[in-house]
Amino acid sequence: MVRLIAVIADRFGIQVAEKVAAQAVPALGTAGGALINTLFIDHFQDVARGHFIVRRLERRYGKEAVHAVYMAL
C-alpha cells in the first residue's frame, strides 16, 4: 500500500507542484503590485507635502525670497 502511494505521488508530484506554482503567480503579482503602489503613494505624498510647504513659505515671505534662498542652497 505504501509503495502504491509512493508511485502515485511520484507520478503526480510534478503536476501538483506546477499547479501550485501556477496558482501562486497571481498572488505574487498582487503582492508586487501592492508594494509598487505603496512606494508610489509614499513618494507622491512626500512630494505634495514639500510642494505645499514651499507654497506656504511663498505666501508668507514672497516668491522671490523663497526662490533666492532655494538657489543659495
N, C-alpha and C. Protein backbone atom coordinates (compact mmCIF):
# COMPACT_ATOMS: atom_id res chain seq x y z
N MET A 1 0.82 -1.19 0.00
CA MET A 1 0.00 0.00 0.00
C MET A 1 0.88 1.27 0.00
N VAL A 2 1.89 1.27 0.84
CA VAL A 2 2.80 2.42 0.91
C VAL A 2 3.51 2.61 -0.42
N ARG A 3 3.89 1.50 -1.03
CA ARG A 3 4.59 1.57 -2.31
C ARG A 3 3.67 2.15 -3.39
N LEU A 4 2.40 1.75 -3.38
CA LEU A 4 1.43 2.29 -4.35
C LEU A 4 1.28 3.79 -4.18
N ILE A 5 1.17 4.24 -2.96
CA ILE A 5 1.04 5.69 -2.69
C ILE A 5 2.30 6.41 -3.15
N ALA A 6 3.46 5.83 -2.93
CA ALA A 6 4.72 6.44 -3.35
C ALA A 6 4.79 6.56 -4.87
N VAL A 7 4.33 5.53 -5.58
CA VAL A 7 4.34 5.56 -7.05
C VAL A 7 3.38 6.64 -7.56
N ILE A 8 2.19 6.71 -6.96
CA ILE A 8 1.21 7.74 -7.37
C ILE A 8 1.75 9.13 -7.06
N ALA A 9 2.34 9.31 -5.92
CA ALA A 9 2.90 10.61 -5.54
C ALA A 9 4.01 11.02 -6.50
N ASP A 10 4.86 10.06 -6.90
CA ASP A 10 5.93 10.37 -7.85
C ASP A 10 5.36 10.79 -9.19
N ARG A 11 4.30 10.13 -9.60
CA ARG A 11 3.72 10.43 -10.92
C ARG A 11 3.03 11.79 -10.94
N PHE A 12 2.31 12.11 -9.89
CA PHE A 12 1.54 13.35 -9.87
C PHE A 12 2.25 14.49 -9.14
N GLY A 13 3.40 14.22 -8.56
CA GLY A 13 4.11 15.25 -7.79
C GLY A 13 4.47 16.45 -8.62
N ILE A 14 4.97 16.25 -9.82
CA ILE A 14 5.38 17.36 -10.69
C ILE A 14 4.16 18.16 -11.12
N GLN A 15 3.07 17.47 -11.46
CA GLN A 15 1.86 18.15 -11.89
C GLN A 15 1.28 19.00 -10.77
N VAL A 16 1.28 18.45 -9.57
CA VAL A 16 0.76 19.19 -8.42
C VAL A 16 1.65 20.41 -8.15
N ALA A 17 2.96 20.22 -8.22
CA ALA A 17 3.87 21.34 -7.99
C ALA A 17 3.68 22.42 -9.05
N GLU A 18 3.47 22.03 -10.30
CA GLU A 18 3.23 23.03 -11.36
C GLU A 18 1.91 23.76 -11.13
N LYS A 19 0.91 23.02 -10.67
CA LYS A 19 -0.39 23.65 -10.40
C LYS A 19 -0.27 24.67 -9.26
N VAL A 20 0.43 24.29 -8.21
CA VAL A 20 0.62 25.20 -7.07
C VAL A 20 1.40 26.43 -7.52
N ALA A 21 2.42 26.24 -8.34
CA ALA A 21 3.20 27.38 -8.84
C ALA A 21 2.34 28.28 -9.72
N ALA A 22 1.51 27.68 -10.57
CA ALA A 22 0.65 28.48 -11.44
C ALA A 22 -0.38 29.26 -10.63
N GLN A 23 -0.87 28.68 -9.56
CA GLN A 23 -1.84 29.37 -8.72
C GLN A 23 -1.18 30.45 -7.87
N ALA A 24 0.11 30.33 -7.63
CA ALA A 24 0.82 31.31 -6.82
C ALA A 24 1.17 32.57 -7.62
N VAL A 25 1.22 32.48 -8.94
CA VAL A 25 1.61 33.62 -9.77
C VAL A 25 0.69 34.82 -9.57
N PRO A 26 -0.63 34.68 -9.60
CA PRO A 26 -1.48 35.86 -9.37
C PRO A 26 -1.29 36.47 -7.98
N ALA A 27 -1.09 35.62 -6.98
CA ALA A 27 -0.87 36.14 -5.64
C ALA A 27 0.43 36.93 -5.56
N LEU A 28 1.46 36.43 -6.21
CA LEU A 28 2.74 37.15 -6.23
C LEU A 28 2.61 38.46 -6.99
N GLY A 29 1.85 38.44 -8.09
CA GLY A 29 1.62 39.67 -8.85
C GLY A 29 0.85 40.69 -8.03
N THR A 30 -0.13 40.22 -7.29
CA THR A 30 -0.91 41.11 -6.43
C THR A 30 -0.03 41.74 -5.36
N ALA A 31 0.80 40.93 -4.74
CA ALA A 31 1.69 41.44 -3.69
C ALA A 31 2.69 42.44 -4.28
N GLY A 32 3.24 42.13 -5.45
CA GLY A 32 4.18 43.05 -6.10
C GLY A 32 3.50 44.36 -6.48
N GLY A 33 2.29 44.26 -7.02
CA GLY A 33 1.54 45.47 -7.38
C GLY A 33 1.23 46.33 -6.17
N ALA A 34 0.85 45.69 -5.07
CA ALA A 34 0.57 46.43 -3.84
C ALA A 34 1.82 47.14 -3.33
N LEU A 35 2.95 46.47 -3.42
CA LEU A 35 4.21 47.08 -2.98
C LEU A 35 4.56 48.29 -3.83
N ILE A 36 4.44 48.16 -5.13
CA ILE A 36 4.74 49.27 -6.04
C ILE A 36 3.79 50.44 -5.79
N ASN A 37 2.50 50.14 -5.62
CA ASN A 37 1.54 51.21 -5.34
C ASN A 37 1.87 51.93 -4.05
N THR A 38 2.26 51.18 -3.04
CA THR A 38 2.62 51.80 -1.76
C THR A 38 3.83 52.71 -1.91
N LEU A 39 4.83 52.25 -2.67
CA LEU A 39 6.02 53.09 -2.89
C LEU A 39 5.67 54.37 -3.64
N PHE A 40 4.84 54.27 -4.68
CA PHE A 40 4.43 55.46 -5.42
C PHE A 40 3.63 56.41 -4.55
N ILE A 41 2.69 55.87 -3.77
CA ILE A 41 1.88 56.72 -2.89
C ILE A 41 2.77 57.46 -1.91
N ASP A 42 3.69 56.75 -1.28
CA ASP A 42 4.60 57.39 -0.32
C ASP A 42 5.42 58.49 -0.99
N HIS A 43 5.93 58.20 -2.18
CA HIS A 43 6.75 59.19 -2.90
C HIS A 43 5.94 60.44 -3.21
N PHE A 44 4.76 60.26 -3.79
CA PHE A 44 3.99 61.42 -4.21
C PHE A 44 3.40 62.18 -3.02
N GLN A 45 3.15 61.51 -1.92
CA GLN A 45 2.73 62.23 -0.71
C GLN A 45 3.87 63.09 -0.18
N ASP A 46 5.09 62.58 -0.23
CA ASP A 46 6.24 63.38 0.19
C ASP A 46 6.42 64.60 -0.73
N VAL A 47 6.27 64.38 -2.04
CA VAL A 47 6.40 65.49 -3.00
C VAL A 47 5.32 66.54 -2.74
N ALA A 48 4.09 66.08 -2.53
CA ALA A 48 2.98 67.01 -2.27
C ALA A 48 3.22 67.78 -0.97
N ARG A 49 3.71 67.10 0.06
CA ARG A 49 3.98 67.77 1.34
C ARG A 49 5.02 68.88 1.14
N GLY A 50 6.10 68.57 0.41
CA GLY A 50 7.12 69.58 0.13
C GLY A 50 6.57 70.73 -0.70
N HIS A 51 5.72 70.42 -1.68
CA HIS A 51 5.12 71.46 -2.53
C HIS A 51 4.30 72.44 -1.69
N PHE A 52 3.47 71.91 -0.80
CA PHE A 52 2.62 72.80 -0.01
C PHE A 52 3.39 73.54 1.07
N ILE A 53 4.50 72.98 1.52
CA ILE A 53 5.36 73.72 2.45
C ILE A 53 5.97 74.92 1.72
N VAL A 54 6.44 74.70 0.51
CA VAL A 54 7.02 75.80 -0.28
C VAL A 54 5.96 76.86 -0.56
N ARG A 55 4.75 76.43 -0.91
CA ARG A 55 3.67 77.40 -1.18
C ARG A 55 3.36 78.24 0.05
N ARG A 56 3.34 77.59 1.22
CA ARG A 56 3.07 78.33 2.45
C ARG A 56 4.19 79.34 2.72
N LEU A 57 5.45 78.94 2.48
CA LEU A 57 6.56 79.88 2.66
C LEU A 57 6.47 81.03 1.66
N GLU A 58 6.06 80.73 0.42
CA GLU A 58 5.92 81.79 -0.59
C GLU A 58 4.83 82.78 -0.20
N ARG A 59 3.74 82.30 0.37
CA ARG A 59 2.68 83.23 0.80
C ARG A 59 3.16 84.10 1.96
N ARG A 60 3.97 83.53 2.83
CA ARG A 60 4.41 84.27 4.00
C ARG A 60 5.55 85.25 3.67
N TYR A 61 6.55 84.80 2.88
CA TYR A 61 7.75 85.61 2.67
C TYR A 61 7.91 86.14 1.25
N GLY A 62 7.05 85.71 0.35
CA GLY A 62 7.16 86.15 -1.04
C GLY A 62 7.90 85.13 -1.88
N LYS A 63 7.46 85.04 -3.12
CA LYS A 63 8.02 84.03 -4.02
C LYS A 63 9.50 84.27 -4.30
N GLU A 64 9.88 85.52 -4.48
CA GLU A 64 11.27 85.83 -4.80
C GLU A 64 12.22 85.47 -3.66
N ALA A 65 11.80 85.77 -2.42
CA ALA A 65 12.66 85.48 -1.27
C ALA A 65 12.87 83.97 -1.11
N VAL A 66 11.80 83.20 -1.28
CA VAL A 66 11.91 81.75 -1.16
C VAL A 66 12.79 81.20 -2.28
N HIS A 67 12.60 81.72 -3.49
CA HIS A 67 13.41 81.27 -4.62
C HIS A 67 14.89 81.62 -4.40
N ALA A 68 15.16 82.79 -3.86
CA ALA A 68 16.55 83.19 -3.61
C ALA A 68 17.21 82.27 -2.58
N VAL A 69 16.49 81.94 -1.53
CA VAL A 69 17.06 81.05 -0.52
C VAL A 69 17.27 79.66 -1.10
N TYR A 70 16.32 79.20 -1.92
CA TYR A 70 16.45 77.88 -2.56
C TYR A 70 17.69 77.83 -3.45
N MET A 71 17.89 78.87 -4.24
CA MET A 71 19.04 78.92 -5.13
C MET A 71 20.35 79.01 -4.35
N ALA A 72 20.32 79.63 -3.17
CA ALA A 72 21.52 79.73 -2.33
C ALA A 72 21.90 78.37 -1.74
N LEU A 73 20.90 77.50 -1.57
CA LEU A 73 21.20 76.18 -1.02
C LEU A 73 21.90 75.35 -2.06
